[in-house]
Amino acid sequence: MTQDPSDVKYQACPEFESQLILAAAEELNPAEQADLNEHLFRCPRCASALQCEKDLIASLAENRREPDALLLASCRAGLEDALDREEEGGWLRGKFGAFLPADWLAPRPAWSAALLVLIGFSVGILAPRYLRAPSPPLTSVTPQVPDLPLSTAADSTGAPIDFRSAQVAGINVLPARGGDDPQVELQMRAQQPFRVQGTVNNENVKSVLINILRHNDRFDPDVRLDAVDLLRARNNDEDVRSALCYAVHNDRNAAVRLKALEALNGAEPQDIIRQTLLDALVDDQNPGVRVEAINALRDMAAKGQVTSDDHMIQVLRERMHKDPNNYIRLQSAAAIRDLGPREKF
């Protein structure tokens, strides 16, 4: 019976099988590589197995399927939130455990049930009294002149509006009519709540959206994600580009950082974008964000939109050897290849 050629890797010598996989990925140190080369010279079976491993890696690199980086970022963010809630729950159990220990509640189910009902009833009555806050009526204001200075804009009462300090309660995108740009409605919280309406080309709308990214600790992740989505259409605006790069470097939510990277796709000038991508590839702890960064860098390198320099090559080589994500290591090597002739590494 003829053996399937695809099983050739199983013909390798058992003591060298793991080294062949590492050698194909260029992960062996010089001493280990020298020992393996000496064995390969005498063993055609291991040499065939090594070639099979190299062909497999090359095939994966050429026919890559990019993982859903947004899903990875969202899953990681969800895990972090779950861990935070578990930690808070442990703190609460520690605080109230001294007063209501489990060994007291378990043998007295009737008393424990009555006590829990009493606590729930008390919280239901008292909590609204402390949490209720009067809500002033919502007024509406739409700046009439896109270039109107922020300090001169005013609400319906004539009071000046400071767009940079006002809080954003919500963002609504109204359907576009015909070929027009969609209308954005920003619900603002200030001393006198108001609304700002206009397209993303409206300077006041743009200022509010940029302010959301610049002060990410003051706004919910959903609001920041909406701001990134809306600013994507103006990614060639210098202020917008700067705000998106700031979000990549500083936003604490991985999904926001990931979406900001996506929004920078195609923006000019490429040098600023390239440096932001390299920083994310080196510094970001979220694998989904790093995957998006290396994918964007490889696309730019393949299209000839970036020129390599010593710093860029050094970063890619370091990620190729040290990144814990195998996909990023492979794509870093492919990006170096796309940049043109390279030295041995």
C-alpha atoms as a PDB file:
ATOM      1  CA  MET A   1       0.000   0.000   0.000  1.00  0.00           C
ATOM      2  CA  THR A   2       1.393   3.401  -1.021  1.00  0.00           C
ATOM      3  CA  GLN A   3       1.693   5.928   1.820  1.00  0.00           C
ATOM      4  CA  ASP A   4       0.090   9.328   1.368  1.00  0.00           C
ATOM      5  CA  PRO A   5       2.833  11.914   0.700  1.00  0.00           C
ATOM      6  CA  SER A   6       1.031  14.310   3.058  1.00  0.00           C
ATOM      7  CA  ASP A   7       2.076  12.003   5.926  1.00  0.00           C
ATOM      8  CA  VAL A   8       5.780  12.578   5.270  1.00  0.00           C
ATOM      9  CA  LYS A   9       6.184  14.656   8.443  1.00  0.00           C
ATOM     10  CA  TYR A  10       5.372  11.554  10.490  1.00  0.00           C
ATOM     11  CA  GLN A  11       8.419   9.836   9.021  1.00  0.00           C
ATOM     12  CA  ALA A  12      10.747  12.253  10.803  1.00  0.00           C
ATOM     13  CA  CYS A  13      12.932  10.965  13.588  1.00  0.00           C
ATOM     14  CA  PRO A  14      10.969  11.339  16.840  1.00  0.00           C
ATOM     15  CA  GLU A  15      13.778  13.099  18.680  1.00  0.00           C
ATOM     16  CA  PHE A  16      13.966  15.783  15.966  1.00  0.00           C
ATOM     17  CA  GLU A  17      10.267  16.275  15.188  1.00  0.00           C
ATOM     18  CA  SER A  18       9.738  19.276  17.493  1.00  0.00           C
ATOM     19  CA  GLN A  19      12.952  20.903  16.294  1.00  0.00           C
ATOM     20  CA  LEU A  20      11.792  20.633  12.678  1.00  0.00           C
ATOM     21  CA  ILE A  21       8.661  22.653  13.457  1.00  0.00           C
ATOM     22  CA  LEU A  22      10.721  25.337  15.225  1.00  0.00           C
ATOM     23  CA  ALA A  23      13.239  25.381  12.394  1.00  0.00           C
ATOM     24  CA  ALA A  24      10.505  25.936   9.819  1.00  0.00           C
ATOM     25  CA  ALA A  25       9.324  28.945  11.834  1.00  0.00           C
ATOM     26  CA  GLU A  26      12.962  30.148  12.228  1.00  0.00           C
ATOM     27  CA  GLU A  27      12.741  29.884  16.012  1.00  0.00           C
ATOM     28  CA  LEU A  28      15.917  27.836  16.683  1.00  0.00           C
ATOM     29  CA  ASN A  29      19.019  29.458  18.099  1.00  0.00           C
ATOM     30  CA  PRO A  30      22.269  29.132  16.096  1.00  0.00           C
ATOM     31  CA  ALA A  31      23.588  26.171  18.132  1.00  0.00           C
ATOM     32  CA  GLU A  32      20.355  24.183  17.777  1.00  0.00           C
ATOM     33  CA  GLN A  33      20.166  25.024  14.075  1.00  0.00           C
ATOM     34  CA  ALA A  34      23.744  23.780  13.560  1.00  0.00           C
ATOM     35  CA  ASP A  35      22.969  20.454  15.270  1.00  0.00           C
ATOM     36  CA  LEU A  36      19.834  20.044  13.201  1.00  0.00           C
ATOM     37  CA  ASN A  37      21.646  20.863   9.955  1.00  0.00           C
ATOM     38  CA  GLU A  38      24.191  18.149  10.708  1.00  0.00           C
ATOM     39  CA  HIS A  39      21.377  15.637  11.211  1.00  0.00           C
ATOM     40  CA  LEU A  40      19.527  16.776   8.070  1.00  0.00           C
ATOM     41  CA  PHE A  41      22.657  16.132   6.016  1.00  0.00           C
ATOM     42  CA  ARG A  42      22.487  12.449   7.012  1.00  0.00           C
ATOM     43  CA  CYS A  43      18.681  11.983   7.202  1.00  0.00           C
ATOM     44  CA  PRO A  44      16.616  12.520   4.027  1.00  0.00           C
ATOM     45  CA  ARG A  45      13.396  11.722   5.906  1.00  0.00           C
ATOM     46  CA  CYS A  46      13.834  14.681   8.287  1.00  0.00           C
ATOM     47  CA  ALA A  47      14.885  16.903   5.391  1.00  0.00           C
ATOM     48  CA  SER A  48      11.622  16.042   3.585  1.00  0.00           C
ATOM     49  CA  ALA A  49       9.632  16.663   6.744  1.00  0.00           C
ATOM     50  CA  LEU A  50      11.281  20.078   7.197  1.00  0.00           C
ATOM     51  CA  GLN A  51      10.413  21.046   3.636  1.00  0.00           C
ATOM     52  CA  CYS A  52       6.816  19.991   4.253  1.00  0.00           C
ATOM     53  CA  GLU A  53       6.619  22.267   7.297  1.00  0.00           C
ATOM     54  CA  LYS A  54       8.081  25.194   5.323  1.00  0.00           C
ATOM     55  CA  ASP A  55       5.577  24.670   2.497  1.00  0.00           C
ATOM     56  CA  LEU A  56       2.722  24.690   5.005  1.00  0.00           C
ATOM     57  CA  ILE A  57       3.858  27.996   6.558  1.00  0.00           C
ATOM     58  CA  ALA A  58       4.290  29.546   3.096  1.00  0.00           C
ATOM     59  CA  SER A  59       0.805  28.425   2.110  1.00  0.00           C
ATOM     60  CA  LEU A  60      -0.694  29.948   5.256  1.00  0.00           C
ATOM     61  CA  ALA A  61       1.104  33.237   4.612  1.00  0.00           C
ATOM     62  CA  GLU A  62      -0.022  33.463   0.972  1.00  0.00           C
ATOM     63  CA  ASN A  63      -3.621  32.432   1.614  1.00  0.00           C
ATOM     64  CA  ARG A  64      -4.175  34.289   4.832  1.00  0.00           C
ATOM     65  CA  ARG A  65      -7.622  34.796   6.238  1.00  0.00           C
ATOM     66  CA  GLU A  66      -7.682  37.705   8.614  1.00  0.00           C
ATOM     67  CA  PRO A  67      -9.381  36.955  11.939  1.00  0.00           C
ATOM     68  CA  ASP A  68     -12.213  39.168  13.074  1.00  0.00           C
ATOM     69  CA  ALA A  69     -10.131  41.593  15.088  1.00  0.00           C
ATOM     70  CA  LEU A  70     -13.165  43.489  16.342  1.00  0.00           C
ATOM     71  CA  LEU A  71     -14.587  40.260  17.745  1.00  0.00           C
ATOM     72  CA  LEU A  72     -11.294  39.519  19.493  1.00  0.00           C
ATOM     73  CA  ALA A  73     -11.216  42.996  21.005  1.00  0.00           C
ATOM     74  CA  SER A  74     -14.847  42.798  22.113  1.00  0.00           C
ATOM     75  CA  CYS A  75     -14.314  39.376  23.707  1.00  0.00           C
ATOM     76  CA  ARG A  76     -11.269  40.620  25.566  1.00  0.00           C
ATOM     77  CA  ALA A  77     -13.129  43.728  26.753  1.00  0.00           C
ATOM     78  CA  GLY A  78     -16.035  41.531  27.884  1.00  0.00           C
ATOM     79  CA  LEU A  79     -13.648  39.291  29.790  1.00  0.00           C
ATOM     80  CA  GLU A  80     -12.055  42.276  31.502  1.00  0.00           C
ATOM     81  CA  ASP A  81     -15.488  43.585  32.513  1.00  0.00           C
ATOM     82  CA  ALA A  82     -16.465  40.144  33.862  1.00  0.00           C
ATOM     83  CA  LEU A  83     -13.262  39.978  35.911  1.00  0.00           C
ATOM     84  CA  ASP A  84     -13.923  43.466  37.276  1.00  0.00           C
ATOM     85  CA  ARG A  85     -17.450  42.456  38.318  1.00  0.00           C
ATOM     86  CA  GLU A  86     -16.133  39.287  39.946  1.00  0.00           C
ATOM     87  CA  GLU A  87     -13.570  41.316  41.871  1.00  0.00           C
ATOM     88  CA  GLU A  88     -16.249  43.757  43.028  1.00  0.00           C
ATOM     89  CA  GLY A  89     -18.471  40.837  44.042  1.00  0.00           C
ATOM     90  CA  GLY A  90     -15.639  39.353  46.080  1.00  0.00           C
ATOM     91  CA  TRP A  91     -15.151  42.690  47.832  1.00  0.00           C
ATOM     92  CA  LEU A  92     -18.855  42.902  48.681  1.00  0.00           C
ATOM     93  CA  ARG A  93     -18.906  39.340  49.957  1.00  0.00           C
ATOM     94  CA  GLY A  94     -15.927  40.129  52.154  1.00  0.00           C
ATOM     95  CA  LYS A  95     -17.601  43.241  53.583  1.00  0.00           C
ATOM     96  CA  PHE A  96     -20.985  41.673  54.296  1.00  0.00           C
ATOM     97  CA  GLY A  97     -19.695  38.199  55.100  1.00  0.00           C
ATOM     98  CA  ALA A  98     -18.843  39.300  58.636  1.00  0.00           C
ATOM     99  CA  PHE A  99     -22.452  40.368  59.205  1.00  0.00           C
ATOM    100  CA  LEU A 100     -24.260  37.654  57.231  1.00  0.00           C
ATOM    101  CA  PRO A 101     -21.932  34.630  57.086  1.00  0.00           C
ATOM    102  CA  ALA A 102     -23.030  31.745  54.905  1.00  0.00           C
ATOM    103  CA  ASP A 103     -22.964  29.302  57.846  1.00  0.00           C
ATOM    104  CA  TRP A 104     -25.632  31.445  59.575  1.00  0.00           C
ATOM    105  CA  LEU A 105     -27.968  31.678  56.566  1.00  0.00           C
ATOM    106  CA  ALA A 106     -27.777  28.047  55.480  1.00  0.00           C
ATOM    107  CA  PRO A 107     -29.254  26.360  58.617  1.00  0.00           C
ATOM    108  CA  ARG A 108     -31.934  29.069  59.007  1.00  0.00           C
ATOM    109  CA  PRO A 109     -33.677  29.309  55.603  1.00  0.00           C
ATOM    110  CA  ALA A 110     -36.867  30.896  56.953  1.00  0.00           C
ATOM    111  CA  TRP A 111     -35.043  33.695  58.811  1.00  0.00           C
ATOM    112  CA  SER A 112     -32.603  34.293  55.942  1.00  0.00           C
ATOM    113  CA  ALA A 113     -35.423  34.514  53.363  1.00  0.00           C
ATOM    114  CA  ALA A 114     -37.344  36.992  55.526  1.00  0.00           C
ATOM    115  CA  LEU A 115     -34.220  39.104  56.033  1.00  0.00           C
ATOM    116  CA  LEU A 116     -33.450  39.208  52.302  1.00  0.00           C
ATOM    117  CA  VAL A 117     -37.038  40.230  51.478  1.00  0.00           C
ATOM    118  CA  LEU A 118     -36.823  43.021  54.081  1.00  0.00           C
ATOM    119  CA  ILE A 119     -33.545  44.303  52.645  1.00  0.00           C
ATOM    120  CA  GLY A 120     -34.933  44.277  49.100  1.00  0.00           C
ATOM    121  CA  PHE A 121     -38.115  46.074  50.191  1.00  0.00           C
ATOM    122  CA  SER A 122     -36.102  48.771  52.005  1.00  0.00           C
ATOM    123  CA  VAL A 123     -33.782  49.360  49.035  1.00  0.00           C
ATOM    124  CA  GLY A 124     -36.759  49.589  46.668  1.00  0.00           C
ATOM    125  CA  ILE A 125     -38.351  52.352  48.764  1.00  0.00           C
ATOM    126  CA  LEU A 126     -35.299  54.370  49.812  1.00  0.00           C
ATOM    127  CA  ALA A 127     -33.063  54.174  46.747  1.00  0.00           C
ATOM    128  CA  PRO A 128     -35.281  56.238  44.387  1.00  0.00           C
ATOM    129  CA  ARG A 129     -35.391  59.064  46.927  1.00  0.00           C
ATOM    130  CA  TYR A 130     -31.610  59.372  46.910  1.00  0.00           C
ATOM    131  CA  LEU A 131     -31.069  58.701  43.208  1.00  0.00           C
ATOM    132  CA  ARG A 132     -33.880  60.844  41.795  1.00  0.00           C
ATOM    133  CA  ALA A 133     -32.596  64.093  40.306  1.00  0.00           C
ATOM    134  CA  PRO A 134     -34.710  66.779  38.664  1.00  0.00           C
ATOM    135  CA  SER A 135     -34.274  66.920  34.885  1.00  0.00           C
ATOM    136  CA  PRO A 136     -34.554  70.374  33.346  1.00  0.00           C
ATOM    137  CA  PRO A 137     -36.473  70.612  30.070  1.00  0.00           C
ATOM    138  CA  LEU A 138     -34.490  69.885  26.931  1.00  0.00           C
ATOM    139  CA  THR A 139     -34.043  72.764  24.561  1.00  0.00           C
ATOM    140  CA  SER A 140     -32.726  72.591  21.049  1.00  0.00           C
ATOM    141  CA  VAL A 141     -30.073  74.606  19.251  1.00  0.00           C
ATOM    142  CA  THR A 142     -28.602  74.123  15.807  1.00  0.00           C
ATOM    143  CA  PRO A 143     -25.636  76.324  14.845  1.00  0.00           C
ATOM    144  CA  GLN A 144     -26.558  78.161  11.677  1.00  0.00           C
ATOM    145  CA  VAL A 145     -23.052  79.034  10.470  1.00  0.00           C
ATOM    146  CA  PRO A 146     -20.480  76.180  10.203  1.00  0.00           C
ATOM    147  CA  ASP A 147     -17.550  78.579  10.817  1.00  0.00           C
ATOM    148  CA  LEU A 148     -19.155  80.256  13.836  1.00  0.00           C
ATOM    149  CA  PRO A 149     -16.567  80.491  16.678  1.00  0.00           C
ATOM    150  CA  LEU A 150     -17.416  78.150  19.525  1.00  0.00           C
ATOM    151  CA  SER A 151     -17.298  80.937  22.089  1.00  0.00           C
ATOM    152  CA  THR A 152     -20.047  82.890  20.271  1.00  0.00           C
ATOM    153  CA  ALA A 153     -22.564  80.051  19.853  1.00  0.00           C
ATOM    154  CA  ALA A 154     -25.560  80.315  22.187  1.00  0.00           C
ATOM    155  CA  ASP A 155     -28.546  78.225  23.274  1.00  0.00           C
ATOM    156  CA  SER A 156     -32.195  79.264  23.093  1.00  0.00           C
ATOM    157  CA  THR A 157     -31.845  81.377  26.255  1.00  0.00           C
ATOM    158  CA  GLY A 158     -28.940  83.374  24.831  1.00  0.00           C
ATOM    159  CA  ALA A 159     -26.357  81.800  27.151  1.00  0.00           C
ATOM    160  CA  PRO A 160     -22.987  81.017  25.492  1.00  0.00           C
ATOM    161  CA  ILE A 161     -22.243  77.331  24.800  1.00  0.00           C
ATOM    162  CA  ASP A 162     -18.881  75.792  25.608  1.00  0.00           C
ATOM    163  CA  PHE A 163     -18.804  72.737  23.330  1.00  0.00           C
ATOM    164  CA  ARG A 164     -15.524  71.532  24.792  1.00  0.00           C
ATOM    165  CA  SER A 165     -16.791  71.202  28.363  1.00  0.00           C
ATOM    166  CA  ALA A 166     -20.357  70.043  27.682  1.00  0.00           C
ATOM    167  CA  GLN A 167     -21.091  66.371  28.213  1.00  0.00           C
ATOM    168  CA  VAL A 168     -22.567  64.253  25.409  1.00  0.00           C
ATOM    169  CA  ALA A 169     -25.609  62.296  26.526  1.00  0.00           C
ATOM    170  CA  GLY A 170     -26.111  60.518  23.195  1.00  0.00           C
ATOM    171  CA  ILE A 171     -25.449  60.534  19.466  1.00  0.00           C
ATOM    172  CA  ASN A 172     -28.147  59.966  16.857  1.00  0.00           C
ATOM    173  CA  VAL A 173     -27.511  59.631  13.134  1.00  0.00           C
ATOM    174  CA  LEU A 174     -30.510  60.718  11.060  1.00  0.00           C
ATOM    175  CA  PRO A 175     -31.104  59.101   7.640  1.00  0.00           C
ATOM    176  CA  ALA A 176     -29.615  60.971   4.684  1.00  0.00           C
ATOM    177  CA  ARG A 177     -31.860  62.310   1.956  1.00  0.00           C
ATOM    178  CA  GLY A 178     -30.791  61.594  -1.582  1.00  0.00           C
ATOM    179  CA  GLY A 179     -27.054  62.082  -1.951  1.00  0.00           C
ATOM    180  CA  ASP A 180     -26.719  64.350   1.068  1.00  0.00           C
ATOM    181  CA  ASP A 181     -24.533  63.492   4.045  1.00  0.00           C
ATOM    182  CA  PRO A 182     -26.378  62.014   7.033  1.00  0.00           C
ATOM    183  CA  GLN A 183     -27.405  64.432   9.751  1.00  0.00           C
ATOM    184  CA  VAL A 184     -25.850  64.004  13.200  1.00  0.00           C
ATOM    185  CA  GLU A 185     -27.757  64.953  16.332  1.00  0.00           C
ATOM    186  CA  LEU A 186     -25.716  65.392  19.505  1.00  0.00           C
ATOM    187  CA  GLN A 187     -27.641  65.492  22.764  1.00  0.00           C
ATOM    188  CA  MET A 188     -25.622  67.643  25.134  1.00  0.00           C
ATOM    189  CA  ARG A 189     -25.672  67.909  28.930  1.00  0.00           C
ATOM    190  CA  ALA A 190     -24.748  71.301  30.310  1.00  0.00           C
ATOM    191  CA  GLN A 191     -26.231  73.825  32.730  1.00  0.00           C
ATOM    192  CA  GLN A 192     -28.984  74.130  30.118  1.00  0.00           C
ATOM    193  CA  PRO A 193     -29.265  70.871  28.064  1.00  0.00           C
ATOM    194  CA  PHE A 194     -29.408  71.351  24.297  1.00  0.00           C
ATOM    195  CA  ARG A 195     -28.965  69.571  20.988  1.00  0.00           C
ATOM    196  CA  VAL A 196     -26.478  70.215  18.200  1.00  0.00           C
ATOM    197  CA  GLN A 197     -27.404  69.124  14.679  1.00  0.00           C
ATOM    198  CA  GLY A 198     -25.506  69.075  11.414  1.00  0.00           C
ATOM    199  CA  THR A 199     -23.369  66.876   9.205  1.00  0.00           C
ATOM    200  CA  VAL A 200     -19.907  65.763  10.191  1.00  0.00           C
ATOM    201  CA  ASN A 201     -18.633  68.651   8.026  1.00  0.00           C
ATOM    202  CA  ASN A 202     -20.131  71.113  10.511  1.00  0.00           C
ATOM    203  CA  GLU A 203     -17.248  72.516  12.550  1.00  0.00           C
ATOM    204  CA  ASN A 204     -19.183  72.476  15.820  1.00  0.00           C
ATOM    205  CA  VAL A 205     -20.223  68.847  15.289  1.00  0.00           C
ATOM    206  CA  LYS A 206     -16.632  67.964  14.451  1.00  0.00           C
ATOM    207  CA  SER A 207     -15.353  69.739  17.584  1.00  0.00           C
ATOM    208  CA  VAL A 208     -17.738  67.826  19.831  1.00  0.00           C
ATOM    209  CA  LEU A 209     -16.774  64.475  18.280  1.00  0.00           C
ATOM    210  CA  ILE A 210     -13.050  65.244  18.594  1.00  0.00           C
ATOM    211  CA  ASN A 211     -13.577  66.309  22.211  1.00  0.00           C
ATOM    212  CA  ILE A 212     -15.126  62.898  22.920  1.00  0.00           C
ATOM    213  CA  LEU A 213     -11.959  61.124  21.762  1.00  0.00           C
ATOM    214  CA  ARG A 214      -9.622  63.589  23.473  1.00  0.00           C
ATOM    215  CA  HIS A 215     -11.368  63.113  26.853  1.00  0.00           C
ATOM    216  CA  ASN A 216     -12.206  59.428  26.673  1.00  0.00           C
ATOM    217  CA  ASP A 217     -12.451  59.093  30.465  1.00  0.00           C
ATOM    218  CA  ARG A 218     -15.584  61.305  30.475  1.00  0.00           C
ATOM    219  CA  PHE A 219     -17.637  59.339  27.933  1.00  0.00           C
ATOM    220  CA  ASP A 220     -19.046  55.833  27.622  1.00  0.00           C
ATOM    221  CA  PRO A 221     -17.402  53.399  25.165  1.00  0.00           C
ATOM    222  CA  ASP A 222     -20.530  53.360  22.969  1.00  0.00           C
ATOM    223  CA  VAL A 223     -20.384  57.135  22.581  1.00  0.00           C
ATOM    224  CA  ARG A 224     -16.678  56.980  21.706  1.00  0.00           C
ATOM    225  CA  LEU A 225     -17.308  54.214  19.143  1.00  0.00           C
ATOM    226  CA  ASP A 226     -20.031  56.332  17.507  1.00  0.00           C
ATOM    227  CA  ALA A 227     -17.668  59.320  17.407  1.00  0.00           C
ATOM    228  CA  VAL A 228     -14.971  57.271  15.649  1.00  0.00           C
ATOM    229  CA  ASP A 229     -17.506  55.973  13.117  1.00  0.00           C
ATOM    230  CA  LEU A 230     -18.652  59.487  12.251  1.00  0.00           C
ATOM    231  CA  LEU A 231     -15.136  60.952  12.041  1.00  0.00           C
ATOM    232  CA  ARG A 232     -13.971  58.226   9.645  1.00  0.00           C
ATOM    233  CA  ALA A 233     -15.386  60.231   6.703  1.00  0.00           C
ATOM    234  CA  ARG A 234     -13.043  63.127   7.588  1.00  0.00           C
ATOM    235  CA  ASN A 235      -9.883  61.139   8.305  1.00  0.00           C
ATOM    236  CA  ASN A 236      -7.861  63.420   6.023  1.00  0.00           C
ATOM    237  CA  ASP A 237      -8.677  66.422   8.208  1.00  0.00           C
ATOM    238  CA  GLU A 238      -5.579  67.191  10.293  1.00  0.00           C
ATOM    239  CA  ASP A 239      -7.507  67.615  13.555  1.00  0.00           C
ATOM    240  CA  VAL A 240      -9.552  64.459  12.979  1.00  0.00           C
ATOM    241  CA  ARG A 241      -6.476  62.440  12.088  1.00  0.00           C
ATOM    242  CA  SER A 242      -4.728  63.638  15.224  1.00  0.00           C
ATOM    243  CA  ALA A 243      -7.746  62.702  17.384  1.00  0.00           C
ATOM    244  CA  LEU A 244      -7.945  59.210  15.850  1.00  0.00           C
ATOM    245  CA  CYS A 245      -4.231  58.649  16.473  1.00  0.00           C
ATOM    246  CA  TYR A 246      -4.720  59.854  20.046  1.00  0.00           C
ATOM    247  CA  ALA A 247      -7.507  57.298  20.505  1.00  0.00           C
ATOM    248  CA  VAL A 248      -5.255  54.498  19.221  1.00  0.00           C
ATOM    249  CA  HIS A 249      -2.591  55.436  21.753  1.00  0.00           C
ATOM    250  CA  ASN A 250      -4.703  56.327  24.780  1.00  0.00           C
ATOM    251  CA  ASP A 251      -8.252  54.966  24.765  1.00  0.00           C
ATOM    252  CA  ARG A 252      -8.682  52.373  27.508  1.00  0.00           C
ATOM    253  CA  ASN A 253     -11.207  50.334  25.494  1.00  0.00           C
ATOM    254  CA  ALA A 254      -9.715  47.895  22.989  1.00  0.00           C
ATOM    255  CA  ALA A 255     -12.755  48.044  20.698  1.00  0.00           C
ATOM    256  CA  VAL A 256     -12.390  51.834  20.398  1.00  0.00           C
ATOM    257  CA  ARG A 257      -8.660  51.549  19.658  1.00  0.00           C
ATOM    258  CA  LEU A 258      -9.393  48.921  17.017  1.00  0.00           C
ATOM    259  CA  LYS A 259     -12.090  50.997  15.325  1.00  0.00           C
ATOM    260  CA  ALA A 260      -9.819  54.061  15.373  1.00  0.00           C
ATOM    261  CA  LEU A 261      -7.161  52.055  13.522  1.00  0.00           C
ATOM    262  CA  GLU A 262      -9.753  51.049  10.940  1.00  0.00           C
ATOM    263  CA  ALA A 263     -10.881  54.675  10.581  1.00  0.00           C
ATOM    264  CA  LEU A 264      -7.293  55.730   9.780  1.00  0.00           C
ATOM    265  CA  ASN A 265      -7.207  53.425   6.755  1.00  0.00           C
ATOM    266  CA  GLY A 266      -6.391  55.526   3.675  1.00  0.00           C
ATOM    267  CA  ALA A 267      -5.702  58.738   5.589  1.00  0.00           C
ATOM    268  CA  GLU A 268      -2.835  61.043   4.642  1.00  0.00           C
ATOM    269  CA  PRO A 269      -0.007  61.648   5.303  1.00  0.00           C
ATOM    270  CA  GLN A 270       1.086  58.041   5.532  1.00  0.00           C
ATOM    271  CA  ASP A 271       4.113  58.721   7.789  1.00  0.00           C
ATOM    272  CA  ILE A 272       1.898  59.684  10.742  1.00  0.00           C
ATOM    273  CA  ILE A 273      -0.339  56.677  10.182  1.00  0.00           C
ATOM    274  CA  ARG A 274       2.661  54.379   9.866  1.00  0.00           C
ATOM    275  CA  GLN A 275       4.095  55.521  13.205  1.00  0.00           C
ATOM    276  CA  THR A 276       0.730  55.025  14.919  1.00  0.00           C
ATOM    277  CA  LEU A 277       0.502  51.500  13.499  1.00  0.00           C
ATOM    278  CA  LEU A 278       4.026  50.668  14.666  1.00  0.00           C
ATOM    279  CA  ASP A 279       3.283  52.007  18.162  1.00  0.00           C
ATOM    280  CA  ALA A 280       0.121  49.899  18.372  1.00  0.00           C
ATOM    281  CA  LEU A 281       2.004  46.827  17.164  1.00  0.00           C
ATOM    282  CA  VAL A 282       4.650  47.244  19.879  1.00  0.00           C
ATOM    283  CA  ASP A 283       2.713  48.633  22.842  1.00  0.00           C
ATOM    284  CA  ASP A 284      -0.888  47.421  22.655  1.00  0.00           C
ATOM    285  CA  GLN A 285      -1.638  44.437  24.896  1.00  0.00           C
ATOM    286  CA  ASN A 286      -4.755  43.422  22.944  1.00  0.00           C
ATOM    287  CA  PRO A 287      -3.988  40.837  20.220  1.00  0.00           C
ATOM    288  CA  GLY A 288      -6.928  42.004  18.092  1.00  0.00           C
ATOM    289  CA  VAL A 289      -5.535  45.544  17.940  1.00  0.00           C
ATOM    290  CA  ARG A 290      -2.067  44.256  17.066  1.00  0.00           C
ATOM    291  CA  VAL A 291      -3.558  42.044  14.338  1.00  0.00           C
ATOM    292  CA  GLU A 292      -5.292  45.066  12.800  1.00  0.00           C
ATOM    293  CA  ALA A 293      -2.045  47.070  13.015  1.00  0.00           C
ATOM    294  CA  ILE A 294       0.095  44.437  11.279  1.00  0.00           C
ATOM    295  CA  ASN A 295      -2.576  43.844   8.612  1.00  0.00           C
ATOM    296  CA  ALA A 296      -2.677  47.568   7.838  1.00  0.00           C
ATOM    297  CA  LEU A 297       1.122  47.787   7.757  1.00  0.00           C
ATOM    298  CA  ARG A 298       1.372  44.825   5.412  1.00  0.00           C
ATOM    299  CA  ASP A 299      -1.269  46.269   3.083  1.00  0.00           C
ATOM    300  CA  MET A 300       0.590  49.585   2.973  1.00  0.00           C
ATOM    301  CA  ALA A 301       3.902  47.813   2.333  1.00  0.00           C
ATOM    302  CA  ALA A 302       2.416  45.654  -0.433  1.00  0.00           C
ATOM    303  CA  LYS A 303       0.974  48.755  -2.143  1.00  0.00           C
ATOM    304  CA  GLY A 304       4.255  50.655  -1.860  1.00  0.00           C
ATOM    305  CA  GLN A 305       2.663  53.337   0.326  1.00  0.00           C
ATOM    306  CA  VAL A 306       5.470  53.251   2.900  1.00  0.00           C
ATOM    307  CA  THR A 307       9.223  53.221   2.653  1.00  0.00           C
ATOM    308  CA  SER A 308      11.186  51.098   5.063  1.00  0.00           C
ATOM    309  CA  ASP A 309      13.691  52.549   7.490  1.00  0.00           C
ATOM    310  CA  ASP A 310      15.840  51.049  10.226  1.00  0.00           C
ATOM    311  CA  HIS A 311      13.216  51.661  12.918  1.00  0.00           C
ATOM    312  CA  MET A 312      10.400  50.013  10.968  1.00  0.00           C
ATOM    313  CA  ILE A 313      12.506  46.982  10.028  1.00  0.00           C
ATOM    314  CA  GLN A 314      13.668  46.643  13.637  1.00  0.00           C
ATOM    315  CA  VAL A 315      10.081  46.666  14.931  1.00  0.00           C
ATOM    316  CA  LEU A 316       8.917  44.104  12.376  1.00  0.00           C
ATOM    317  CA  ARG A 317      11.855  41.807  13.088  1.00  0.00           C
ATOM    318  CA  GLU A 318      11.241  42.031  16.825  1.00  0.00           C
ATOM    319  CA  ARG A 319       7.539  41.177  16.368  1.00  0.00           C
ATOM    320  CA  MET A 320       8.479  38.346  13.999  1.00  0.00           C
ATOM    321  CA  HIS A 321      10.553  36.692  16.710  1.00  0.00           C
ATOM    322  CA  LYS A 322       8.920  37.778  19.973  1.00  0.00           C
ATOM    323  CA  ASP A 323       5.209  38.437  19.536  1.00  0.00           C
ATOM    324  CA  PRO A 324       3.162  35.793  21.414  1.00  0.00           C
ATOM    325  CA  ASN A 325       0.666  35.662  18.530  1.00  0.00           C
ATOM    326  CA  ASN A 326       1.765  33.305  15.755  1.00  0.00           C
ATOM    327  CA  TYR A 327      -0.313  35.130  13.115  1.00  0.00           C
ATOM    328  CA  ILE A 328       1.428  38.427  13.917  1.00  0.00           C
ATOM    329  CA  ARG A 329       4.841  36.771  13.701  1.00  0.00           C
ATOM    330  CA  LEU A 330       4.044  35.373  10.245  1.00  0.00           C
ATOM    331  CA  GLN A 331       2.600  38.648   8.970  1.00  0.00           C
ATOM    332  CA  SER A 332       5.585  40.619  10.293  1.00  0.00           C
ATOM    333  CA  ALA A 333       7.874  38.401   8.234  1.00  0.00           C
ATOM    334  CA  ALA A 334       5.610  38.846   5.200  1.00  0.00           C
ATOM    335  CA  ALA A 335       5.640  42.636   5.651  1.00  0.00           C
ATOM    336  CA  ILE A 336       9.443  42.661   5.629  1.00  0.00           C
ATOM    337  CA  ARG A 337       9.347  40.621   2.425  1.00  0.00           C
ATOM    338  CA  ASP A 338       6.883  43.074   0.855  1.00  0.00           C
ATOM    339  CA  LEU A 339       9.162  45.995   1.684  1.00  0.00           C
ATOM    340  CA  GLY A 340      11.791  44.609  -0.677  1.00  0.00           C
ATOM    341  CA  PRO A 341      15.263  43.020  -0.388  1.00  0.00           C
ATOM    342  CA  ARG A 342      16.290  42.458   3.195  1.00  0.00           C
ATOM    343  CA  GLU A 343      19.307  41.274   5.080  1.00  0.00           C
ATOM    344  CA  LYS A 344      19.493  37.819   6.612  1.00  0.00           C
ATOM    345  CA  PHE A 345      17.776  37.634   9.995  1.00  0.00           C
END
